[in-house]
């Protein structure tokens, strides 16, 4: 997304000093920052004809491009004003106000042709501003374009005198002819016509093949072929008298209503119909491409050549593709430096990172490349990336070797110091040396980040230490024989002691076993006695419980019998009582 454009006022794009064209680097820098498509509107015409006033209105400003009030030309070279397009979001409107043609103060008239040429080459809408009416003088002035036939046509296109159209005119600007202070009536044969019809009638060809007719038709034929899209606007005089010299400061109510209407229609047409600047092949131009076009055309004109559009496209393609290659390489370098930590553990790890960054770089190139039809620049990029791969692989090997060398020195340094102190100069010293060596080798192999040369550097180190190992071995062998005999004697004595200890241990174990068996026997006897006592006590408790239960049963039976006898006695008393009562009654 293009940053917001900050151009509070116009800036010289191409200076015209001492009849030499010079591109303004500050203005080019502004163009280089515009990534949006550009709609380029350039105005050309005689000096002191109000060109700058129209351009200020297109910029939506009252002031900006210099509007003079004297007969002296104010604008020198080509001035630029970049503003956001008022009707097309995502587009930038580039307005180009040119030095007036026909300035009597100019030394070299060819300078007019150069300014005229650049306005056509750079614009997508070309405004030709003249006074009063379309006459032969105005047509002849525009006919300057015929001197640029080779400039404005692509290779192998037809000549202007032939009936065929040029090979490709899609990239030519649309022509908008503005007639200032128009005083004629728009009618022919007493019929009203439009301003566009007036323009077409003025450019009609005459029938005939004589030289005079050919001279009449030549500029018209040229204009028709180079500008297939044409539009005409006529402007009434904005005001009268001395106020014309104060046009820029006048309020709207001080201007002619017809002029204001004409001005509104002109601006509306430019905003609505002006197209994106396009190159052959339908290539849309953005700020950087317009910057490149300016540099290319100015360099060609200053060298005395006429810049062919086709060659310009080739040059533009070369510049953009070279820049695309550089962007891709820069991205690759940045990503590899961020993602790759040398040394990598394996070559495959580095290769995968390279391929990922390579794919991104190729994608960036494809995004920014332009007409790389023979894939020349893509092949160049592939070659550069391949070289980058080779280079980083070498760096990876070097980084691994350096890191491993330092690591080996750090890990094995204590071993070398011990060997120098004679710690291993004793019987069995060589085995100790080898054991220590194996421990350090394992420690080395466990260290991460050694890279692809880890094992090779270890083997190189071990090979370099073979003389030290052999020296320790020879010393070990020289001292081992007697020490071996002593060792054997110590081992026999140790074996005898071990056997005695074994037998003693067996005796102790046997005694312990017998003691344990006796303890267990006594424990069983005690347990039997306890069990018997518990059994007798249990029997006694059971017998006692049974006697208690029988006594309780007899007692319960006696109590039941007693209650029964009481009940019988009570019954007998009751019967006896009743019998007594009966006797009394009787």
Protein backbone atom coordinates (compact mmCIF):
# COMPACT_ATOMS: atom_id res chain seq x y z
CA UNK A 1 0.00 0.00 0.00
CA UNK A 2 1.37 3.37 -1.06
CA UNK A 3 1.96 5.77 1.85
CA UNK A 4 -0.15 8.91 1.82
CA UNK A 5 1.25 11.39 -0.66
CA UNK A 6 2.49 14.62 0.90
CA UNK A 7 2.99 17.17 -1.87
CA UNK A 8 1.56 20.47 -0.68
CA UNK A 9 2.80 22.10 -3.87
CA UNK A 10 4.24 21.15 -7.26
CA UNK A 11 7.88 20.28 -7.74
CA UNK A 12 10.12 20.48 -10.78
CA UNK A 13 10.38 17.01 -12.32
CA UNK A 14 12.56 17.82 -15.32
CA UNK A 15 14.57 21.02 -15.24
CA UNK A 16 15.47 22.95 -18.38
CA UNK A 17 18.72 24.75 -17.72
CA UNK A 18 20.90 26.09 -20.50
CA UNK A 19 18.84 24.11 -23.00
CA UNK A 20 19.75 20.87 -21.19
CA UNK A 21 17.17 18.59 -19.53
CA UNK A 22 17.92 17.47 -15.97
CA UNK A 23 15.78 15.07 -13.93
CA UNK A 24 15.18 16.28 -10.36
CA UNK A 25 16.32 13.51 -8.00
CA UNK A 26 14.03 14.67 -5.19
CA UNK A 27 11.00 14.41 -7.48
CA UNK A 28 12.15 10.99 -8.68
CA UNK A 29 12.38 9.87 -5.07
CA UNK A 30 8.73 10.85 -4.57
CA UNK A 31 7.74 8.80 -7.62
CA UNK A 32 9.74 5.80 -6.43
CA UNK A 33 7.59 5.64 -3.27
CA UNK A 34 4.28 5.43 -5.18
CA UNK A 35 3.40 1.75 -5.67
CA UNK A 36 -0.13 2.51 -6.90
CA UNK A 37 -0.97 2.74 -10.62
CA UNK A 38 -0.56 6.30 -11.87
CA UNK A 39 -2.87 8.35 -14.08
CA UNK A 40 -0.60 10.90 -15.77
CA UNK A 41 -2.12 14.08 -17.19
CA UNK A 42 0.27 16.38 -19.06
CA UNK A 43 -0.58 19.74 -20.62
CA UNK A 44 1.27 21.31 -23.55
CA UNK A 45 0.68 24.52 -25.45
CA UNK A 46 1.98 27.96 -26.25
CA UNK A 47 3.28 29.93 -23.32
CA UNK A 48 0.92 32.37 -21.60
CA UNK A 49 -2.24 30.41 -22.55
CA UNK A 50 -3.45 29.47 -19.07
CA UNK A 51 -2.15 25.89 -18.87
CA UNK A 52 -1.14 26.15 -15.22
CA UNK A 53 -4.58 27.44 -14.21
CA UNK A 54 -6.24 24.28 -15.58
CA UNK A 55 -3.72 22.04 -13.82
CA UNK A 56 -4.33 23.76 -10.47
CA UNK A 57 -8.05 23.07 -10.86
CA UNK A 58 -7.31 19.40 -11.57
CA UNK A 59 -5.27 19.33 -8.37
CA UNK A 60 -8.25 20.78 -6.51
CA UNK A 61 -6.24 23.85 -5.49
CA UNK A 62 -6.48 27.56 -6.16
CA UNK A 63 -2.71 27.91 -6.20
CA UNK A 64 0.16 25.63 -6.98
CA UNK A 65 1.50 25.66 -10.52
CA UNK A 66 2.84 29.11 -11.34
CA UNK A 67 0.27 31.33 -13.04
CA UNK A 68 1.94 34.43 -14.42
CA UNK A 69 0.49 37.83 -15.14
CA UNK A 70 3.12 39.01 -17.61
CA UNK A 71 4.20 38.09 -21.11
CA UNK A 72 7.17 36.17 -19.68
CA UNK A 73 6.96 32.39 -19.38
CA UNK A 74 6.98 31.22 -15.76
CA UNK A 75 7.16 27.43 -16.04
CA UNK A 76 10.56 26.06 -17.09
CA UNK A 77 10.92 22.41 -17.93
CA UNK A 78 8.22 20.07 -16.58
CA UNK A 79 6.69 20.44 -13.14
CA UNK A 80 4.95 17.61 -11.27
CA UNK A 81 2.18 17.46 -8.70
CA UNK A 82 1.17 14.03 -7.32
CA UNK A 83 -2.22 13.92 -5.58
CA UNK A 84 -4.62 11.10 -4.64
CA UNK A 85 -7.00 10.45 -7.49
CA UNK A 86 -10.32 12.10 -6.52
CA UNK A 87 -12.49 9.37 -8.09
CA UNK A 88 -10.32 6.24 -8.24
CA UNK A 89 -9.21 4.93 -4.84
CA UNK A 90 -5.86 3.18 -5.00
CA UNK A 91 -4.67 5.38 -7.88
CA UNK A 92 -2.41 8.41 -7.92
CA UNK A 93 -3.05 11.38 -10.20
CA UNK A 94 0.22 12.80 -11.56
CA UNK A 95 -0.18 16.25 -13.09
CA UNK A 96 2.57 17.53 -15.41
CA UNK A 97 2.68 21.21 -16.30
CA UNK A 98 5.10 21.94 -19.13
CA UNK A 99 7.15 24.86 -20.22
CA UNK A 100 5.26 26.96 -22.76
CA UNK A 101 6.04 26.30 -26.42
CA UNK A 102 7.15 29.08 -28.70
CA UNK A 103 8.88 31.18 -26.01
CA UNK A 104 10.77 33.91 -27.88
CA UNK A 105 13.46 33.90 -25.19
CA UNK A 106 14.56 30.35 -26.04
CA UNK A 107 17.86 29.88 -27.79
CA UNK A 108 17.25 26.41 -29.22
CA UNK A 109 13.84 25.66 -30.73
CA UNK A 110 14.57 21.93 -30.47
CA UNK A 111 13.91 22.32 -26.77
CA UNK A 112 10.19 22.76 -27.54
CA UNK A 113 10.25 19.44 -29.37
CA UNK A 114 11.93 17.75 -26.42
CA UNK A 115 9.37 19.09 -23.92
CA UNK A 116 6.56 18.16 -26.33
CA UNK A 117 8.01 14.65 -26.73
CA UNK A 118 8.38 14.04 -23.02
CA UNK A 119 4.80 15.18 -22.33
CA UNK A 120 3.48 12.62 -24.84
CA UNK A 121 5.81 9.85 -23.70
CA UNK A 122 5.04 10.27 -20.02
CA UNK A 123 1.29 10.96 -20.07
CA UNK A 124 -1.81 8.81 -20.31
CA UNK A 125 -3.92 11.92 -21.08
CA UNK A 126 -2.31 14.61 -23.20
CA UNK A 127 -3.96 18.06 -22.95
CA UNK A 128 -3.17 20.33 -25.90
CA UNK A 129 -4.02 23.87 -24.88
CA UNK A 130 -4.48 26.50 -27.63
CA UNK A 131 -6.19 29.85 -28.00
CA UNK A 132 -9.40 30.94 -29.71
CA UNK A 133 -9.87 28.27 -32.40
CA UNK A 134 -8.36 25.29 -34.20
CA UNK A 135 -6.36 26.75 -37.05
CA UNK A 136 -3.52 25.58 -39.23
CA UNK A 137 -0.96 27.08 -36.88
CA UNK A 138 -2.26 25.02 -33.96
CA UNK A 139 -2.35 21.87 -36.09
CA UNK A 140 1.17 22.49 -37.37
CA UNK A 141 2.40 22.99 -33.82
CA UNK A 142 0.92 19.65 -32.81
CA UNK A 143 2.45 18.20 -35.95
CA UNK A 144 5.75 18.27 -34.11
CA UNK A 145 4.80 14.73 -33.27
CA UNK A 146 5.54 13.74 -36.87
CA UNK A 147 9.19 14.44 -36.18
CA UNK A 148 8.97 11.79 -33.49
CA UNK A 149 7.63 8.95 -35.64
CA UNK A 150 10.45 6.62 -34.67
CA UNK A 151 10.09 7.75 -31.07
CA UNK A 152 6.37 7.11 -30.78
CA UNK A 153 6.06 3.87 -32.69
CA UNK A 154 7.23 0.47 -31.73
CA UNK A 155 9.66 -1.45 -33.92
CA UNK A 156 8.30 -2.57 -37.30
CA UNK A 157 5.26 -0.25 -37.08
CA UNK A 158 3.90 1.45 -40.16
CA UNK A 159 4.92 4.88 -41.38
CA UNK A 160 2.57 7.82 -40.97
CA UNK A 161 2.06 8.15 -44.70
CA UNK A 162 0.66 4.61 -44.95
CA UNK A 163 -2.99 3.76 -44.51
CA UNK A 164 -2.42 1.15 -41.77
CA UNK A 165 -2.48 2.03 -38.11
CA UNK A 166 0.74 1.86 -36.09
CA UNK A 167 1.50 -1.57 -34.69
CA UNK A 168 0.33 -0.70 -31.18
CA UNK A 169 -1.19 2.60 -30.10
CA UNK A 170 -2.82 1.36 -26.92
CA UNK A 171 -0.11 3.00 -24.87
CA UNK A 172 -0.42 6.40 -26.58
CA UNK A 173 -2.13 9.07 -24.49
CA UNK A 174 -5.66 10.21 -25.09
CA UNK A 175 -5.77 13.67 -26.67
CA UNK A 176 -7.81 16.39 -24.96
CA UNK A 177 -7.75 19.59 -27.03
CA UNK A 178 -8.69 22.66 -25.00
CA UNK A 179 -9.58 25.90 -26.80
CA UNK A 180 -9.28 28.97 -24.58
CA UNK A 181 -11.24 32.19 -25.09
CA UNK A 182 -13.23 30.49 -27.85
CA UNK A 183 -15.20 33.06 -29.79
CA UNK A 184 -16.67 31.13 -32.74
CA UNK A 185 -20.16 29.66 -32.98
CA UNK A 186 -20.25 25.87 -32.86
CA UNK A 187 -22.22 25.31 -36.06
CA UNK A 188 -21.69 24.26 -39.63
CA UNK A 189 -24.06 24.76 -42.48
CA UNK A 190 -26.32 26.47 -39.95
CA UNK A 191 -26.50 23.29 -37.86
CA UNK A 192 -25.23 23.22 -34.30
CA UNK A 193 -22.33 20.86 -33.68
CA UNK A 194 -20.51 19.68 -30.59
CA UNK A 195 -16.96 20.63 -29.70
CA UNK A 196 -15.89 17.05 -30.53
CA UNK A 197 -17.44 17.34 -33.98
CA UNK A 198 -15.65 20.65 -34.43
CA UNK A 199 -12.35 18.87 -33.69
CA UNK A 200 -13.11 16.00 -36.07
CA UNK A 201 -14.07 18.44 -38.83
CA UNK A 202 -10.83 20.33 -38.32
CA UNK A 203 -8.84 17.11 -38.73
CA UNK A 204 -10.66 15.85 -41.84
CA UNK A 205 -8.47 14.87 -44.76
CA UNK A 206 -8.86 16.41 -48.19
CA UNK A 207 -9.22 14.34 -51.29
CA UNK A 208 -6.36 14.57 -53.73
CA UNK A 209 -2.77 13.47 -54.29
CA UNK A 210 -1.11 16.75 -55.20
CA UNK A 211 1.70 18.03 -53.01
CA UNK A 212 -0.38 20.81 -51.46
CA UNK A 213 -3.10 18.39 -50.44
CA UNK A 214 -0.51 15.98 -49.06
CA UNK A 215 1.04 18.75 -47.00
CA UNK A 216 -2.43 19.63 -45.72
CA UNK A 217 -3.28 16.03 -44.85
CA UNK A 218 0.08 15.03 -43.35
CA UNK A 219 -0.29 16.62 -39.87
CA UNK A 220 -3.97 15.62 -39.68
CA UNK A 221 -3.19 12.02 -40.62
CA UNK A 222 -0.43 11.96 -38.04
CA UNK A 223 -2.71 13.32 -35.30
CA UNK A 224 -5.47 10.85 -36.15
CA UNK A 225 -3.12 7.87 -36.05
CA UNK A 226 -1.22 8.80 -32.95
CA UNK A 227 -4.31 9.90 -31.01
CA UNK A 228 -7.18 7.51 -31.77
CA UNK A 229 -9.01 8.76 -28.65
CA UNK A 230 -9.72 12.49 -28.85
CA UNK A 231 -11.85 14.97 -26.95
CA UNK A 232 -12.34 18.71 -27.36
CA UNK A 233 -13.37 21.38 -24.84
CA UNK A 234 -14.07 25.01 -25.64
CA UNK A 235 -13.80 27.65 -22.93
CA UNK A 236 -15.41 31.04 -22.89
CA UNK A 237 -13.27 33.86 -21.64
CA UNK A 238 -13.30 33.63 -17.83
CA UNK A 239 -13.52 37.41 -17.42
CA UNK A 240 -12.70 40.57 -19.23
CA UNK A 241 -10.11 43.29 -19.27
CA UNK A 242 -7.30 43.53 -16.76
CA UNK A 243 -8.95 40.98 -14.50
CA UNK A 244 -7.55 38.25 -16.72
CA UNK A 245 -4.11 38.92 -15.27
CA UNK A 246 -5.59 38.27 -11.80
CA UNK A 247 -7.39 35.04 -12.75
CA UNK A 248 -5.84 32.98 -9.96
CA UNK A 249 -7.09 35.34 -7.25
CA UNK A 250 -10.64 35.86 -8.58
CA UNK A 251 -13.60 34.37 -6.73
CA UNK A 252 -16.07 32.10 -8.51
CA UNK A 253 -18.73 34.83 -8.54
CA UNK A 254 -16.29 37.05 -10.43
CA UNK A 255 -15.89 34.53 -13.26
CA UNK A 256 -18.11 33.88 -16.22
CA UNK A 257 -20.78 31.21 -15.43
CA UNK A 258 -20.18 29.67 -18.88
CA UNK A 259 -16.46 29.46 -18.17
CA UNK A 260 -17.13 27.79 -14.80
CA UNK A 261 -19.43 25.28 -16.49
CA UNK A 262 -16.81 24.53 -19.15
CA UNK A 263 -14.16 24.14 -16.44
CA UNK A 264 -16.35 21.75 -14.42
CA UNK A 265 -17.01 19.56 -17.47
CA UNK A 266 -13.31 19.49 -18.33
CA UNK A 267 -12.26 18.39 -14.81
CA UNK A 268 -15.05 15.83 -14.64
CA UNK A 269 -13.94 14.30 -17.95
CA UNK A 270 -10.31 14.12 -16.89
CA UNK A 271 -11.18 12.49 -13.55
CA UNK A 272 -13.63 10.02 -15.09
CA UNK A 273 -12.01 9.02 -18.39
CA UNK A 274 -8.27 9.43 -17.92
CA UNK A 275 -6.71 5.98 -17.87
CA UNK A 276 -3.72 4.47 -16.14
CA UNK A 277 -0.43 5.10 -17.91
CA UNK A 278 0.25 1.94 -19.91
CA UNK A 279 3.22 0.58 -21.84
CA UNK A 280 3.23 -1.86 -24.78
CA UNK A 281 1.86 -5.22 -23.76
CA UNK A 282 -0.67 -3.70 -21.37
CA UNK A 283 1.94 -2.99 -18.68
CA UNK A 284 0.51 -0.63 -16.10
CA UNK A 285 2.87 2.05 -14.82
CA UNK A 286 3.32 2.83 -11.14
CA UNK A 287 5.57 5.41 -9.49
CA UNK A 288 8.88 3.50 -9.78
CA UNK A 289 8.19 2.68 -13.44
CA UNK A 290 7.34 6.31 -14.18
CA UNK A 291 10.58 7.27 -12.43
CA UNK A 292 12.46 4.86 -14.69
CA UNK A 293 10.73 6.25 -17.79
CA UNK A 294 11.72 9.81 -16.86
CA UNK A 295 15.36 8.85 -16.38
CA UNK A 296 15.47 6.80 -19.57
CA UNK A 297 13.87 9.45 -21.77
CA UNK A 298 15.91 12.33 -20.37
CA UNK A 299 19.17 10.38 -20.77
CA UNK A 300 18.28 9.43 -24.35
CA UNK A 301 17.29 12.97 -25.35
CA UNK A 302 20.39 14.51 -23.76
CA UNK A 303 22.55 12.04 -25.66
CA UNK A 304 21.02 13.21 -28.92
CA UNK A 305 19.00 10.04 -29.53
CA UNK A 306 15.29 9.50 -29.88
CA UNK A 307 14.24 6.95 -27.24
CA UNK A 308 12.26 4.16 -28.89
CA UNK A 309 9.36 3.06 -26.71
CA UNK A 310 10.18 -0.58 -27.31
CA UNK A 311 13.76 -0.02 -26.21
CA UNK A 312 12.45 1.89 -23.22
CA UNK A 313 10.31 -1.09 -22.22
CA UNK A 314 13.37 -3.31 -22.56
CA UNK A 315 15.37 -0.91 -20.41
CA UNK A 316 12.54 -0.73 -17.88
CA UNK A 317 12.32 -4.51 -17.82
CA UNK A 318 16.06 -4.76 -17.30
CA UNK A 319 15.95 -2.27 -14.41
CA UNK A 320 12.92 -3.81 -12.72
CA UNK A 321 14.14 -7.36 -13.18
CA UNK A 322 17.59 -6.45 -11.88
CA UNK A 323 15.88 -4.83 -8.90
CA UNK A 324 13.64 -7.89 -8.50
CA UNK A 325 16.71 -10.14 -8.49
CA UNK A 326 18.32 -7.92 -5.86
CA UNK A 327 15.15 -7.92 -3.72
CA UNK A 328 15.01 -11.70 -3.93
CA UNK A 329 18.68 -12.06 -2.99
CA UNK A 330 18.30 -9.56 -0.13
CA UNK A 331 15.28 -11.48 1.18
CA UNK A 332 17.19 -14.76 0.89
CA UNK A 333 20.17 -13.35 2.78
CA UNK A 334 17.97 -11.87 5.50
CA UNK A 335 15.94 -15.03 5.98
CA UNK A 336 18.97 -17.32 5.98
CA UNK A 337 20.75 -15.12 8.51
CA UNK A 338 17.65 -15.20 10.74
CA UNK A 339 16.79 -18.88 10.38
CA UNK A 340 20.18 -20.55 10.05
CA UNK A 341 22.38 -21.07 13.07
CA UNK A 342 25.72 -22.36 11.83
CA UNK A 343 26.75 -25.02 12.09
CA UNK A 344 23.66 -27.15 11.40
CA UNK A 345 23.51 -30.69 12.72
CA UNK A 346 23.03 -32.22 9.28
CA UNK A 347 23.48 -31.14 5.65
CA UNK A 348 19.80 -31.96 5.09
CA UNK A 349 18.74 -29.41 7.71
CA UNK A 350 20.70 -26.69 5.93
CA UNK A 351 19.39 -27.82 2.55
CA UNK A 352 15.77 -27.64 3.73
CA UNK A 353 16.29 -24.11 5.08
CA UNK A 354 17.95 -23.10 1.82
CA UNK A 355 15.10 -24.52 -0.23
CA UNK A 356 12.48 -22.75 1.89
CA UNK A 357 14.27 -19.39 1.57
CA UNK A 358 14.92 -20.08 -2.10
CA UNK A 359 11.21 -20.63 -2.74
CA UNK A 360 10.39 -17.36 -0.97
CA UNK A 361 13.07 -15.53 -2.96
CA UNK A 362 11.73 -16.93 -6.25
CA UNK A 363 8.22 -15.88 -5.26
CA UNK A 364 9.42 -12.34 -4.52
CA UNK A 365 11.20 -12.25 -7.87
CA UNK A 366 8.07 -13.41 -9.72
CA UNK A 367 6.03 -10.79 -7.87
CA UNK A 368 8.36 -7.94 -8.85
CA UNK A 369 9.71 -9.20 -12.19
CA UNK A 370 8.50 -7.70 -15.38
CA UNK A 371 8.60 -9.12 -18.94
CA UNK A 372 11.35 -11.63 -18.19
CA UNK A 373 10.20 -13.42 -21.31
CA UNK A 374 13.35 -15.47 -21.92
CA UNK A 375 13.71 -16.06 -18.14
CA UNK A 376 17.16 -14.56 -18.35
CA UNK A 377 16.87 -12.84 -14.98
CA UNK A 378 15.19 -15.83 -13.38
CA UNK A 379 18.10 -18.01 -14.51
CA UNK A 380 20.50 -15.40 -13.15
CA UNK A 381 18.68 -15.53 -9.81
CA UNK A 382 18.77 -19.33 -9.82
CA UNK A 383 22.51 -19.19 -10.51
CA UNK A 384 23.05 -16.68 -7.70
CA UNK A 385 20.98 -18.75 -5.28
CA UNK A 386 22.93 -21.86 -6.24
CA UNK A 387 26.17 -20.00 -5.56
CA UNK A 388 24.69 -18.81 -2.26
CA UNK A 389 23.93 -22.42 -1.41
CA UNK A 390 27.48 -23.51 -2.19
CA UNK A 391 28.85 -20.61 -0.17
CA UNK A 392 26.74 -21.28 2.90
CA UNK A 393 27.51 -25.00 2.72
CA UNK A 394 31.21 -24.14 2.80
CA UNK A 395 30.59 -21.77 5.70
CA UNK A 396 28.64 -24.50 7.45
CA UNK A 397 31.57 -26.89 7.08
CA UNK A 398 34.04 -24.25 8.28
CA UNK A 399 31.84 -23.28 11.22
CA UNK A 400 31.42 -26.92 12.19
CA UNK A 401 35.16 -27.59 11.90
CA UNK A 402 36.10 -24.52 13.94
CA UNK A 403 33.50 -25.24 16.61
CA UNK A 404 34.48 -28.91 16.87
CA UNK A 405 38.16 -28.04 17.03
CA UNK A 406 37.57 -25.65 19.92
CA UNK A 407 35.27 -28.15 21.63
CA UNK A 408 37.81 -30.97 21.31
CA UNK A 409 40.54 -28.78 22.72
CA UNK A 410 38.34 -27.81 25.67
CA UNK A 411 37.15 -31.36 26.46
CA UNK A 412 40.45 -33.20 25.97
CA UNK A 413 42.70 -30.57 27.54
CA UNK A 414 42.51 -32.15 31.06
CA UNK A 415 43.53 -35.52 29.57
CA UNK A 416 46.54 -33.98 27.86
CA UNK A 417 47.51 -32.21 31.09
CA UNK A 418 47.28 -35.48 33.06
CA UNK A 419 49.40 -37.26 30.46
CA UNK A 420 51.99 -34.49 30.67
CA UNK A 421 52.04 -34.83 34.47
CA UNK A 422 52.79 -38.59 34.17
CA UNK A 423 49.54 -39.77 35.73
CA UNK A 424 49.30 -42.55 33.12
CA UNK A 425 53.01 -43.50 33.29
CA UNK A 426 52.34 -46.61 35.43
CA UNK A 427 51.22 -50.19 35.02
CA UNK A 428 47.68 -50.17 33.63
CA UNK A 429 48.07 -46.53 32.73
CA UNK A 430 47.28 -47.17 29.11
CA UNK A 431 43.92 -48.72 29.95
CA UNK A 432 43.15 -45.76 32.21
CA UNK A 433 44.15 -43.48 29.38
CA UNK A 434 41.86 -45.34 26.97
CA UNK A 435 39.00 -45.32 29.48
CA UNK A 436 39.39 -41.61 30.02
CA UNK A 437 39.57 -41.17 26.27
CA UNK A 438 36.29 -43.07 25.84
CA UNK A 439 34.61 -40.98 28.52
CA UNK A 440 35.72 -37.78 26.85
CA UNK A 441 34.68 -39.08 23.44
CA UNK A 442 31.21 -39.80 24.85
CA UNK A 443 31.14 -36.34 26.43
CA UNK A 444 32.13 -34.79 23.10
CA UNK A 445 29.48 -36.72 21.17
CA UNK A 446 26.81 -35.67 23.64
CA UNK A 447 27.50 -32.00 23.02
CA UNK A 448 24.85 -30.43 20.72
CA UNK A 449 25.45 -28.06 17.83
CA UNK A 450 28.68 -29.60 16.53
CA UNK A 451 27.51 -29.71 12.94
CA UNK A 452 28.38 -31.93 10.03
CA UNK A 453 32.12 -32.24 10.74
CA UNK A 454 31.71 -33.61 14.25
CA UNK A 455 32.89 -37.18 13.63
CA UNK A 456 35.53 -36.26 11.07
CA UNK A 457 37.12 -33.72 13.41
CA UNK A 458 37.04 -36.27 16.25
CA UNK A 459 38.80 -38.87 14.13
CA UNK A 460 41.39 -36.31 13.07
CA UNK A 461 42.01 -35.45 16.72
CA UNK A 462 42.29 -39.11 17.76
CA UNK A 463 44.71 -39.81 14.95
CA UNK A 464 46.82 -36.86 16.06
CA UNK A 465 46.91 -38.33 19.61
CA UNK A 466 47.97 -41.82 18.54
CA UNK A 467 51.71 -41.10 19.28
CA UNK A 468 50.79 -40.09 22.84
CA UNK A 469 48.73 -43.26 23.27
CA UNK A 470 51.59 -45.41 21.97
CA UNK A 471 54.05 -43.79 24.39
CA UNK A 472 51.74 -44.46 27.33
CA UNK A 473 51.29 -48.07 26.12
CA UNK A 474 55.04 -48.68 25.94
CA UNK A 475 55.55 -47.28 29.44
CA UNK A 476 52.67 -49.41 30.69
CA UNK A 477 54.13 -52.57 29.18
CA UNK A 478 57.60 -51.88 30.63
CA UNK A 479 56.22 -51.58 34.18
CA UNK A 480 53.55 -54.25 34.00
CA UNK A 481 55.49 -57.56 34.26
CA UNK A 482 56.68 -57.25 37.90
CA UNK A 483 53.51 -55.56 38.90
CA UNK A 484 51.57 -58.44 37.38
CA UNK A 485 53.50 -60.97 39.59
CA UNK A 486 52.81 -58.90 42.66
CA UNK A 487 49.29 -58.64 41.66
CA UNK A 488 48.97 -62.40 41.23
CA UNK A 489 50.41 -62.97 44.72
CA UNK A 490 48.06 -60.43 46.14
CA UNK A 491 45.24 -62.07 44.32
CA UNK A 492 46.15 -65.57 45.74
CA UNK A 493 46.39 -64.18 49.26
CA UNK A 494 43.20 -62.37 48.69
CA UNK A 495 41.59 -65.57 47.41
CA UNK A 496 42.75 -67.51 50.53
CA UNK A 497 41.37 -64.78 52.75
CA UNK A 498 38.22 -64.81 50.79
CA UNK A 499 37.91 -68.63 51.16
CA UNK A 500 38.53 -68.43 54.92
CA UNK A 501 35.98 -65.70 55.14
CA UNK A 502 33.60 -67.85 53.14
CA UNK A 503 34.04 -70.86 55.44
CA UNK A 504 33.67 -68.67 58.51
CA UNK A 505 30.58 -67.22 57.07
CA UNK A 506 29.23 -70.75 56.46
CA UNK A 507 29.97 -71.75 60.09
CA UNK A 508 28.31 -68.67 61.42
CA UNK A 509 25.34 -69.27 59.20
CA UNK A 510 25.08 -72.91 60.42
CA UNK A 511 25.18 -71.83 64.07
CA UNK A 512 22.61 -69.22 63.39
CA UNK A 513 20.45 -71.82 61.67
CA UNK A 514 20.62 -74.24 64.63
CA UNK A 515 19.90 -71.47 67.10
CA UNK A 516 16.96 -70.44 65.04
CA UNK A 517 15.62 -73.99 64.90
CA UNK A 518 15.93 -74.33 68.72
CA UNK A 519 14.17 -71.05 69.17
CA UNK A 520 11.42 -72.12 66.85
CA UNK A 521 11.05 -75.50 68.71
CA UNK A 522 10.75 -73.78 72.07
CA UNK A 523 8.34 -71.34 70.60
CA UNK A 524 6.15 -74.21 69.36
CA UNK A 525 6.16 -75.87 72.78
CA UNK A 526 5.08 -72.64 74.42
CA UNK A 527 2.40 -72.24 71.88
CA UNK A 528 1.09 -75.80 72.52
CA UNK A 529 0.89 -75.17 76.25
CA UNK A 530 -0.86 -71.89 75.67
CA UNK A 531 -3.30 -73.59 73.33
CA UNK A 532 -4.06 -76.36 75.87
CA UNK A 533 -4.63 -73.85 78.64
CA UNK A 534 -6.84 -71.84 76.38
CA UNK A 535 -8.80 -75.00 75.48
CA UNK A 536 -9.38 -75.98 79.14
CA UNK A 537 -10.45 -72.48 79.98
CA UNK A 538 -12.78 -72.54 77.04
CA UNK A 539 -14.31 -75.87 78.15
CA UNK A 540 -14.83 -74.57 81.63
CA UNK A 541 -16.50 -71.45 80.32
CA UNK A 542 -18.75 -73.53 78.10
CA UNK A 543 -19.74 -75.91 81.01
CA UNK A 544 -20.37 -73.01 83.31
CA UNK A 545 -22.43 -71.30 80.68
CA UNK A 546 -24.47 -74.48 80.15
CA UNK A 547 -25.14 -74.85 83.91
CA UNK A 548 -26.23 -71.24 84.08
CA UNK A 549 -28.53 -71.70 81.15
CA UNK A 550 -30.06 -74.91 82.75
CA UNK A 551 -30.53 -73.17 86.08
CA UNK A 552 -32.22 -70.29 84.34
CA UNK A 553 -34.43 -72.70 82.40
CA UNK A 554 -35.47 -74.56 85.65
CA UNK A 555 -36.06 -71.29 87.39
CA UNK A 556 -38.20 -70.05 84.53
CA UNK A 557 -40.18 -73.32 84.57
CA UNK A 558 -40.71 -73.10 88.32
CA UNK A 559 -41.81 -69.51 88.01
CA UNK A 560 -44.24 -70.48 85.30
CA UNK A 561 -45.61 -73.37 87.43
CA UNK A 562 -45.91 -71.05 90.38
CA UNK A 563 -47.87 -68.52 88.39
CA UNK A 564 -50.11 -71.29 87.14
CA UNK A 565 -50.83 -72.48 90.70
CA UNK A 566 -51.57 -68.94 91.73
CA UNK A 567 -53.98 -68.52 88.88
CA UNK A 568 -55.74 -71.80 89.85
CA UNK A 569 -55.95 -70.74 93.50
CA UNK A 570 -57.40 -67.42 92.44
CA UNK A 571 -59.95 -69.16 90.35
CA UNK A 572 -60.98 -71.38 93.22
CA UNK A 573 -61.36 -68.37 95.48
CA UNK A 574 -63.54 -66.65 92.98
CA UNK A 575 -65.75 -69.72 92.65
CA UNK A 576 -65.99 -70.04 96.41
CA UNK A 577 -66.97 -66.40 96.68
CA UNK A 578 -69.70 -66.78 94.15
CA UNK A 579 -71.05 -69.85 95.93
CA UNK A 580 -71.28 -67.94 99.19
CA UNK A 581 -73.16 -65.16 97.53
CA UNK A 582 -75.58 -67.62 96.05
CA UNK A 583 -76.28 -69.17 99.49
CA UNK A 584 -76.98 -65.80 101.00
CA UNK A 585 -79.40 -64.97 98.29
CA UNK A 586 -81.18 -68.19 98.85
